[in-house]
Protein backbone atom coordinates (compact mmCIF):
# COMPACT_ATOMS: atom_id res chain seq x y z
CA MET A 1 86.91 82.54 120.16
CA GLY A 2 90.33 84.15 120.29
CA ASP A 3 91.79 81.37 118.14
CA HIS A 4 92.79 82.31 114.60
CA ASP A 5 93.79 79.83 111.99
CA ALA A 6 96.93 80.32 109.95
CA ALA A 7 95.04 81.10 106.73
CA LEU A 8 93.12 83.93 108.39
CA ASP A 9 96.30 85.38 109.90
CA HIS A 10 98.00 85.23 106.51
CA ALA A 11 95.04 86.89 104.79
CA ILE A 12 94.97 89.68 107.38
CA ARG A 13 98.70 90.35 106.89
CA GLU A 14 98.29 90.42 103.09
CA VAL A 15 95.36 92.85 103.25
CA ALA A 16 97.27 95.06 105.69
CA ALA A 17 100.29 95.08 103.37
CA ILE A 18 98.13 95.99 100.36
CA LEU A 19 96.38 98.78 102.23
CA GLY A 20 99.68 100.06 103.58
CA ASP A 21 101.18 100.12 100.10
CA ALA A 22 98.14 101.97 98.76
CA LEU A 23 98.38 104.54 101.56
CA VAL A 24 102.07 105.17 100.87
CA ARG A 25 101.34 105.60 97.16
CA LEU A 26 98.58 108.10 97.95
CA LEU A 27 100.71 110.08 100.39
CA PHE A 28 103.87 110.00 98.28
CA PRO A 29 102.94 109.94 94.59
CA THR A 30 105.60 109.20 92.02
CA PRO A 31 107.98 112.12 91.61
CA VAL A 32 107.50 114.35 88.60
CA ASP A 33 110.30 115.46 86.31
CA PHE A 34 111.93 118.66 87.53
CA PRO A 35 113.35 121.29 85.20
CA GLU A 36 117.13 121.02 85.03
CA THR A 37 117.60 124.01 87.35
CA GLU A 38 115.42 122.44 90.04
CA SER A 39 116.73 118.90 89.72
CA PRO A 40 117.58 117.24 93.03
CA HIS A 41 120.40 115.40 91.27
CA VAL A 42 123.81 116.97 90.82
CA THR A 43 124.75 116.78 87.15
CA ALA A 44 127.62 119.27 86.98
CA PRO A 45 131.14 117.98 87.62
CA LEU A 46 132.75 119.18 90.82
CA THR A 47 135.64 121.55 90.26
CA PRO A 48 138.16 122.60 92.92
């Protein structure tokens, strides 16, 4: 009864991966565009 065939194991891993990906997308949606003053990216050149 504890025996699993390879196809079932593979299917379980695929479903788990799909559900995990969906959870990550729900928790961390795609970033929105920030106004230039709030941008996380540094665009100004560094001056000494």
